[in-house]
Amino acid sequence: MSLFSFVKEAGEKLIDLLTPGNAKAQEQIKEHVSKVGLGNPNITATVDGDKITLTGDVASQEEKEKIILAAGNIEGVASVDDQITVTGPVVKAAVFVTVVKGDTLSAISKRVYGDANKYNKIFEANKPMLSHPDKIYVGQVLRIPE
Protein backbone atom coordinates (compact mmCIF):
# COMPACT_ATOMS: atom_id res chain seq x y z
CA MET A 1 0.00 0.00 0.00
CA SER A 2 1.31 3.57 0.56
CA LEU A 3 2.78 5.99 3.04
CA PHE A 4 1.34 9.51 2.82
CA SER A 5 3.09 12.57 4.29
CA PHE A 6 1.29 15.43 6.02
CA VAL A 7 2.25 18.78 7.56
CA LYS A 8 2.69 17.87 11.21
CA GLU A 9 1.97 21.39 12.49
CA ALA A 10 -1.33 21.75 10.59
CA GLY A 11 -4.72 20.22 11.16
CA GLU A 12 -7.41 19.69 13.71
CA LYS A 13 -6.32 19.35 17.32
CA LEU A 14 -7.30 16.09 18.99
CA ILE A 15 -6.23 16.23 22.61
CA ASP A 16 -4.01 13.34 23.75
CA LEU A 17 -4.23 11.48 20.43
CA LEU A 18 -0.48 11.24 19.93
CA THR A 19 0.45 10.92 23.61
CA PRO A 20 2.67 7.84 24.00
CA GLY A 21 0.74 4.96 25.54
CA ASN A 22 -2.68 6.44 24.74
CA ALA A 23 -4.87 3.34 24.85
CA LYS A 24 -7.80 5.26 23.36
CA ALA A 25 -5.99 6.50 20.21
CA GLN A 26 -7.72 3.98 17.93
CA GLU A 27 -11.14 4.98 19.25
CA GLN A 28 -10.31 8.69 18.95
CA ILE A 29 -9.37 8.33 15.29
CA LYS A 30 -12.53 6.35 14.50
CA GLU A 31 -14.61 8.99 16.32
CA HIS A 32 -12.85 11.73 14.33
CA VAL A 33 -13.53 9.93 11.01
CA SER A 34 -17.19 9.62 11.99
CA LYS A 35 -17.36 13.25 13.20
CA VAL A 36 -16.11 14.65 9.89
CA GLY A 37 -18.99 12.83 8.22
CA LEU A 38 -17.46 9.60 6.93
CA GLY A 39 -19.64 7.27 8.96
CA ASN A 40 -18.27 4.28 10.82
CA PRO A 41 -16.01 2.42 8.37
CA ASN A 42 -14.54 -1.01 9.03
CA ILE A 43 -11.05 0.27 9.83
CA THR A 44 -8.49 -0.07 12.58
CA ALA A 45 -6.03 2.70 13.40
CA THR A 46 -2.82 2.40 15.34
CA VAL A 47 -0.59 5.27 16.42
CA ASP A 48 3.20 5.05 16.58
CA GLY A 49 4.69 8.44 17.42
CA ASP A 50 3.55 10.82 14.67
CA LYS A 51 2.51 8.03 12.27
CA ILE A 52 -0.96 6.52 11.98
CA THR A 53 -1.40 3.11 10.37
CA LEU A 54 -4.83 2.37 8.93
CA THR A 55 -6.02 -1.15 8.14
CA GLY A 56 -9.37 -2.64 7.21
CA ASP A 57 -11.81 -2.79 4.31
CA VAL A 58 -13.79 -0.03 2.61
CA ALA A 59 -16.21 -0.05 -0.32
CA SER A 60 -14.54 2.52 -2.59
CA GLN A 61 -11.29 4.28 -3.46
CA GLU A 62 -12.95 7.62 -2.64
CA GLU A 63 -13.89 6.44 0.87
CA LYS A 64 -10.33 5.18 1.41
CA GLU A 65 -8.81 8.50 0.33
CA LYS A 66 -11.15 10.52 2.53
CA ILE A 67 -10.34 8.37 5.58
CA ILE A 68 -6.59 8.83 4.91
CA LEU A 69 -7.09 12.61 4.70
CA ALA A 70 -9.24 12.70 7.85
CA ALA A 71 -6.50 10.89 9.79
CA GLY A 72 -3.62 12.86 8.24
CA ASN A 73 -5.16 16.30 8.67
CA ILE A 74 -4.81 16.05 12.46
CA GLU A 75 -2.25 18.26 14.18
CA GLY A 76 0.84 16.27 15.10
CA VAL A 77 0.40 13.61 12.41
CA ALA A 78 3.35 13.49 9.99
CA SER A 79 2.38 10.38 8.02
CA VAL A 80 -0.38 7.87 7.40
CA ASP A 81 0.51 4.30 6.45
CA ASP A 82 -2.33 3.12 4.23
CA GLN A 83 -3.02 -0.59 4.59
CA ILE A 84 -6.73 -0.27 3.69
CA THR A 85 -8.22 -2.67 1.14
CA VAL A 86 -10.88 -1.49 -1.32
CA THR A 87 -13.54 -4.18 -1.72
CA GLY A 88 -15.46 -2.47 -4.53
CA PRO A 89 -14.34 -1.58 -8.05
CA VAL A 90 -10.80 -0.22 -8.13
CA VAL A 91 -10.50 3.14 -9.85
CA LYS A 92 -7.55 5.46 -10.38
CA ALA A 93 -6.49 7.16 -7.17
CA ALA A 94 -6.94 10.90 -6.82
CA VAL A 95 -3.93 13.19 -6.47
CA PHE A 96 -3.33 14.81 -3.08
CA VAL A 97 -2.34 18.50 -2.87
CA THR A 98 -1.11 20.40 0.20
CA VAL A 99 -2.58 23.89 0.62
CA VAL A 100 0.08 26.62 0.66
CA LYS A 101 -0.11 30.27 1.73
CA GLY A 102 -2.33 32.25 -0.63
CA ASP A 103 -4.15 29.20 -1.98
CA THR A 104 -7.87 29.16 -2.63
CA LEU A 105 -9.83 26.33 -4.19
CA SER A 106 -9.99 28.45 -7.36
CA ALA A 107 -6.20 28.88 -7.41
CA ILE A 108 -5.66 25.16 -6.89
CA SER A 109 -8.22 24.40 -9.60
CA LYS A 110 -6.44 26.75 -12.01
CA ARG A 111 -3.12 25.08 -11.21
CA VAL A 112 -4.28 21.46 -11.60
CA TYR A 113 -7.09 21.73 -14.16
CA GLY A 114 -6.16 24.94 -15.97
CA ASP A 115 -9.59 26.35 -15.08
CA ALA A 116 -10.32 28.28 -11.86
CA ASN A 117 -14.04 27.67 -12.28
CA LYS A 118 -13.63 23.94 -11.56
CA TYR A 119 -13.00 24.70 -7.87
CA ASN A 120 -16.36 23.13 -6.99
CA LYS A 121 -15.10 19.76 -8.25
CA ILE A 122 -12.35 19.92 -5.59
CA PHE A 123 -14.83 21.12 -2.96
CA GLU A 124 -17.23 18.25 -3.70
CA ALA A 125 -14.37 15.72 -3.69
CA ASN A 126 -13.44 16.78 -0.15
CA LYS A 127 -16.92 16.80 1.37
CA PRO A 128 -17.89 16.24 4.14
CA MET A 129 -14.48 17.24 5.52
CA LEU A 130 -14.85 20.68 3.91
CA SER A 131 -17.98 22.54 4.92
CA HIS A 132 -17.37 25.64 2.75
CA PRO A 133 -15.10 26.37 -0.24
CA ASP A 134 -13.41 29.24 1.62
CA LYS A 135 -12.57 27.18 4.73
CA ILE A 136 -9.22 25.68 3.79
CA TYR A 137 -5.98 26.23 5.71
CA VAL A 138 -2.26 26.17 5.04
CA GLY A 139 -0.89 22.65 5.43
CA GLN A 140 -4.23 20.94 4.80
CA VAL A 141 -4.09 18.09 2.32
CA LEU A 142 -6.93 17.86 -0.22
CA ARG A 143 -7.87 15.19 -2.74
CA ILE A 144 -7.95 16.27 -6.38
CA PRO A 145 -10.03 13.96 -8.58
CA GLU A 146 -9.29 13.44 -12.29
C-alpha atoms as a PDB file:
ATOM      1  CA  MET A   1       0.000   0.000   0.000  1.00  0.00           C
ATOM      2  CA  SER A   2       1.312   3.567   0.560  1.00  0.00           C
ATOM      3  CA  LEU A   3       2.776   5.988   3.043  1.00  0.00           C
ATOM      4  CA  PHE A   4       1.343   9.513   2.824  1.00  0.00           C
ATOM      5  CA  SER A   5       3.091  12.572   4.288  1.00  0.00           C
ATOM      6  CA  PHE A   6       1.295  15.431   6.020  1.00  0.00           C
ATOM      7  CA  VAL A   7       2.255  18.779   7.558  1.00  0.00           C
ATOM      8  CA  LYS A   8       2.693  17.869  11.212  1.00  0.00           C
ATOM      9  CA  GLU A   9       1.968  21.391  12.490  1.00  0.00           C
ATOM     10  CA  ALA A  10      -1.334  21.748  10.589  1.00  0.00           C
ATOM     11  CA  GLY A  11      -4.720  20.223  11.163  1.00  0.00           C
ATOM     12  CA  GLU A  12      -7.407  19.693  13.707  1.00  0.00           C
ATOM     13  CA  LYS A  13      -6.324  19.346  17.318  1.00  0.00           C
ATOM     14  CA  LEU A  14      -7.297  16.089  18.994  1.00  0.00           C
ATOM     15  CA  ILE A  15      -6.230  16.233  22.614  1.00  0.00           C
ATOM     16  CA  ASP A  16      -4.010  13.344  23.749  1.00  0.00           C
ATOM     17  CA  LEU A  17      -4.231  11.479  20.431  1.00  0.00           C
ATOM     18  CA  LEU A  18      -0.476  11.238  19.935  1.00  0.00           C
ATOM     19  CA  THR A  19       0.445  10.923  23.615  1.00  0.00           C
ATOM     20  CA  PRO A  20       2.670   7.842  24.002  1.00  0.00           C
ATOM     21  CA  GLY A  21       0.741   4.958  25.537  1.00  0.00           C
ATOM     22  CA  ASN A  22      -2.681   6.442  24.737  1.00  0.00           C
ATOM     23  CA  ALA A  23      -4.873   3.341  24.848  1.00  0.00           C
ATOM     24  CA  LYS A  24      -7.798   5.264  23.357  1.00  0.00           C
ATOM     25  CA  ALA A  25      -5.986   6.502  20.208  1.00  0.00           C
ATOM     26  CA  GLN A  26      -7.719   3.983  17.930  1.00  0.00           C
ATOM     27  CA  GLU A  27     -11.136   4.982  19.254  1.00  0.00           C
ATOM     28  CA  GLN A  28     -10.311   8.695  18.953  1.00  0.00           C
ATOM     29  CA  ILE A  29      -9.366   8.326  15.288  1.00  0.00           C
ATOM     30  CA  LYS A  30     -12.528   6.347  14.497  1.00  0.00           C
ATOM     31  CA  GLU A  31     -14.613   8.990  16.318  1.00  0.00           C
ATOM     32  CA  HIS A  32     -12.853  11.726  14.328  1.00  0.00           C
ATOM     33  CA  VAL A  33     -13.531   9.932  11.008  1.00  0.00           C
ATOM     34  CA  SER A  34     -17.187   9.623  11.991  1.00  0.00           C
ATOM     35  CA  LYS A  35     -17.359  13.246  13.202  1.00  0.00           C
ATOM     36  CA  VAL A  36     -16.108  14.653   9.892  1.00  0.00           C
ATOM     37  CA  GLY A  37     -18.992  12.826   8.221  1.00  0.00           C
ATOM     38  CA  LEU A  38     -17.463   9.599   6.925  1.00  0.00           C
ATOM     39  CA  GLY A  39     -19.642   7.272   8.957  1.00  0.00           C
ATOM     40  CA  ASN A  40     -18.266   4.276  10.824  1.00  0.00           C
ATOM     41  CA  PRO A  41     -16.014   2.422   8.372  1.00  0.00           C
ATOM     42  CA  ASN A  42     -14.541  -1.006   9.035  1.00  0.00           C
ATOM     43  CA  ILE A  43     -11.050   0.273   9.831  1.00  0.00           C
ATOM     44  CA  THR A  44      -8.488  -0.069  12.576  1.00  0.00           C
ATOM     45  CA  ALA A  45      -6.035   2.699  13.397  1.00  0.00           C
ATOM     46  CA  THR A  46      -2.816   2.398  15.339  1.00  0.00           C
ATOM     47  CA  VAL A  47      -0.589   5.267  16.425  1.00  0.00           C
ATOM     48  CA  ASP A  48       3.200   5.052  16.575  1.00  0.00           C
ATOM     49  CA  GLY A  49       4.691   8.438  17.420  1.00  0.00           C
ATOM     50  CA  ASP A  50       3.553  10.818  14.670  1.00  0.00           C
ATOM     51  CA  LYS A  51       2.505   8.031  12.274  1.00  0.00           C
ATOM     52  CA  ILE A  52      -0.962   6.515  11.979  1.00  0.00           C
ATOM     53  CA  THR A  53      -1.404   3.108  10.367  1.00  0.00           C
ATOM     54  CA  LEU A  54      -4.831   2.374   8.925  1.00  0.00           C
ATOM     55  CA  THR A  55      -6.015  -1.151   8.144  1.00  0.00           C
ATOM     56  CA  GLY A  56      -9.375  -2.639   7.206  1.00  0.00           C
ATOM     57  CA  ASP A  57     -11.812  -2.785   4.315  1.00  0.00           C
ATOM     58  CA  VAL A  58     -13.792  -0.028   2.613  1.00  0.00           C
ATOM     59  CA  ALA A  59     -16.206  -0.051  -0.316  1.00  0.00           C
ATOM     60  CA  SER A  60     -14.537   2.524  -2.593  1.00  0.00           C
ATOM     61  CA  GLN A  61     -11.288   4.284  -3.464  1.00  0.00           C
ATOM     62  CA  GLU A  62     -12.948   7.616  -2.642  1.00  0.00           C
ATOM     63  CA  GLU A  63     -13.893   6.435   0.867  1.00  0.00           C
ATOM     64  CA  LYS A  64     -10.331   5.176   1.410  1.00  0.00           C
ATOM     65  CA  GLU A  65      -8.810   8.500   0.333  1.00  0.00           C
ATOM     66  CA  LYS A  66     -11.153  10.521   2.532  1.00  0.00           C
ATOM     67  CA  ILE A  67     -10.337   8.370   5.576  1.00  0.00           C
ATOM     68  CA  ILE A  68      -6.594   8.829   4.915  1.00  0.00           C
ATOM     69  CA  LEU A  69      -7.092  12.607   4.704  1.00  0.00           C
ATOM     70  CA  ALA A  70      -9.244  12.702   7.845  1.00  0.00           C
ATOM     71  CA  ALA A  71      -6.497  10.893   9.786  1.00  0.00           C
ATOM     72  CA  GLY A  72      -3.623  12.857   8.241  1.00  0.00           C
ATOM     73  CA  ASN A  73      -5.157  16.300   8.671  1.00  0.00           C
ATOM     74  CA  ILE A  74      -4.809  16.047  12.459  1.00  0.00           C
ATOM     75  CA  GLU A  75      -2.251  18.261  14.180  1.00  0.00           C
ATOM     76  CA  GLY A  76       0.842  16.269  15.097  1.00  0.00           C
ATOM     77  CA  VAL A  77       0.398  13.606  12.410  1.00  0.00           C
ATOM     78  CA  ALA A  78       3.345  13.491   9.988  1.00  0.00           C
ATOM     79  CA  SER A  79       2.375  10.384   8.023  1.00  0.00           C
ATOM     80  CA  VAL A  80      -0.375   7.866   7.396  1.00  0.00           C
ATOM     81  CA  ASP A  81       0.512   4.301   6.451  1.00  0.00           C
ATOM     82  CA  ASP A  82      -2.328   3.122   4.227  1.00  0.00           C
ATOM     83  CA  GLN A  83      -3.023  -0.594   4.593  1.00  0.00           C
ATOM     84  CA  ILE A  84      -6.727  -0.271   3.693  1.00  0.00           C
ATOM     85  CA  THR A  85      -8.224  -2.666   1.141  1.00  0.00           C
ATOM     86  CA  VAL A  86     -10.879  -1.492  -1.323  1.00  0.00           C
ATOM     87  CA  THR A  87     -13.543  -4.184  -1.720  1.00  0.00           C
ATOM     88  CA  GLY A  88     -15.456  -2.471  -4.534  1.00  0.00           C
ATOM     89  CA  PRO A  89     -14.339  -1.582  -8.046  1.00  0.00           C
ATOM     90  CA  VAL A  90     -10.800  -0.216  -8.128  1.00  0.00           C
ATOM     91  CA  VAL A  91     -10.499   3.145  -9.846  1.00  0.00           C
ATOM     92  CA  LYS A  92      -7.548   5.456 -10.375  1.00  0.00           C
ATOM     93  CA  ALA A  93      -6.486   7.157  -7.171  1.00  0.00           C
ATOM     94  CA  ALA A  94      -6.939  10.902  -6.823  1.00  0.00           C
ATOM     95  CA  VAL A  95      -3.928  13.190  -6.471  1.00  0.00           C
ATOM     96  CA  PHE A  96      -3.329  14.813  -3.080  1.00  0.00           C
ATOM     97  CA  VAL A  97      -2.341  18.501  -2.866  1.00  0.00           C
ATOM     98  CA  THR A  98      -1.114  20.400   0.198  1.00  0.00           C
ATOM     99  CA  VAL A  99      -2.578  23.893   0.624  1.00  0.00           C
ATOM    100  CA  VAL A 100       0.084  26.624   0.661  1.00  0.00           C
ATOM    101  CA  LYS A 101      -0.114  30.268   1.726  1.00  0.00           C
ATOM    102  CA  GLY A 102      -2.327  32.246  -0.634  1.00  0.00           C
ATOM    103  CA  ASP A 103      -4.154  29.202  -1.983  1.00  0.00           C
ATOM    104  CA  THR A 104      -7.872  29.160  -2.633  1.00  0.00           C
ATOM    105  CA  LEU A 105      -9.828  26.329  -4.195  1.00  0.00           C
ATOM    106  CA  SER A 106      -9.991  28.449  -7.363  1.00  0.00           C
ATOM    107  CA  ALA A 107      -6.204  28.883  -7.410  1.00  0.00           C
ATOM    108  CA  ILE A 108      -5.662  25.158  -6.887  1.00  0.00           C
ATOM    109  CA  SER A 109      -8.221  24.403  -9.601  1.00  0.00           C
ATOM    110  CA  LYS A 110      -6.439  26.754 -12.011  1.00  0.00           C
ATOM    111  CA  ARG A 111      -3.117  25.075 -11.212  1.00  0.00           C
ATOM    112  CA  VAL A 112      -4.277  21.462 -11.603  1.00  0.00           C
ATOM    113  CA  TYR A 113      -7.092  21.728 -14.159  1.00  0.00           C
ATOM    114  CA  GLY A 114      -6.157  24.941 -15.966  1.00  0.00           C
ATOM    115  CA  ASP A 115      -9.592  26.345 -15.079  1.00  0.00           C
ATOM    116  CA  ALA A 116     -10.318  28.275 -11.863  1.00  0.00           C
ATOM    117  CA  ASN A 117     -14.044  27.669 -12.283  1.00  0.00           C
ATOM    118  CA  LYS A 118     -13.626  23.937 -11.561  1.00  0.00           C
ATOM    119  CA  TYR A 119     -13.001  24.705  -7.866  1.00  0.00           C
ATOM    120  CA  ASN A 120     -16.365  23.130  -6.988  1.00  0.00           C
ATOM    121  CA  LYS A 121     -15.095  19.760  -8.251  1.00  0.00           C
ATOM    122  CA  ILE A 122     -12.353  19.923  -5.591  1.00  0.00           C
ATOM    123  CA  PHE A 123     -14.828  21.119  -2.962  1.00  0.00           C
ATOM    124  CA  GLU A 124     -17.231  18.248  -3.699  1.00  0.00           C
ATOM    125  CA  ALA A 125     -14.368  15.717  -3.692  1.00  0.00           C
ATOM    126  CA  ASN A 126     -13.443  16.777  -0.150  1.00  0.00           C
ATOM    127  CA  LYS A 127     -16.917  16.801   1.370  1.00  0.00           C
ATOM    128  CA  PRO A 128     -17.886  16.242   4.139  1.00  0.00           C
ATOM    129  CA  MET A 129     -14.479  17.239   5.524  1.00  0.00           C
ATOM    130  CA  LEU A 130     -14.852  20.681   3.912  1.00  0.00           C
ATOM    131  CA  SER A 131     -17.980  22.541   4.919  1.00  0.00           C
ATOM    132  CA  HIS A 132     -17.374  25.638   2.752  1.00  0.00           C
ATOM    133  CA  PRO A 133     -15.100  26.371  -0.244  1.00  0.00           C
ATOM    134  CA  ASP A 134     -13.415  29.238   1.622  1.00  0.00           C
ATOM    135  CA  LYS A 135     -12.571  27.178   4.727  1.00  0.00           C
ATOM    136  CA  ILE A 136      -9.216  25.676   3.795  1.00  0.00           C
ATOM    137  CA  TYR A 137      -5.980  26.229   5.707  1.00  0.00           C
ATOM    138  CA  VAL A 138      -2.258  26.170   5.042  1.00  0.00           C
ATOM    139  CA  GLY A 139      -0.893  22.649   5.431  1.00  0.00           C
ATOM    140  CA  GLN A 140      -4.233  20.944   4.802  1.00  0.00           C
ATOM    141  CA  VAL A 141      -4.090  18.092   2.316  1.00  0.00           C
ATOM    142  CA  LEU A 142      -6.927  17.859  -0.222  1.00  0.00           C
ATOM    143  CA  ARG A 143      -7.874  15.189  -2.735  1.00  0.00           C
ATOM    144  CA  ILE A 144      -7.954  16.271  -6.381  1.00  0.00           C
ATOM    145  CA  PRO A 145     -10.031  13.959  -8.583  1.00  0.00           C
ATOM    146  CA  GLU A 146      -9.286  13.439 -12.286  1.00  0.00           C
END
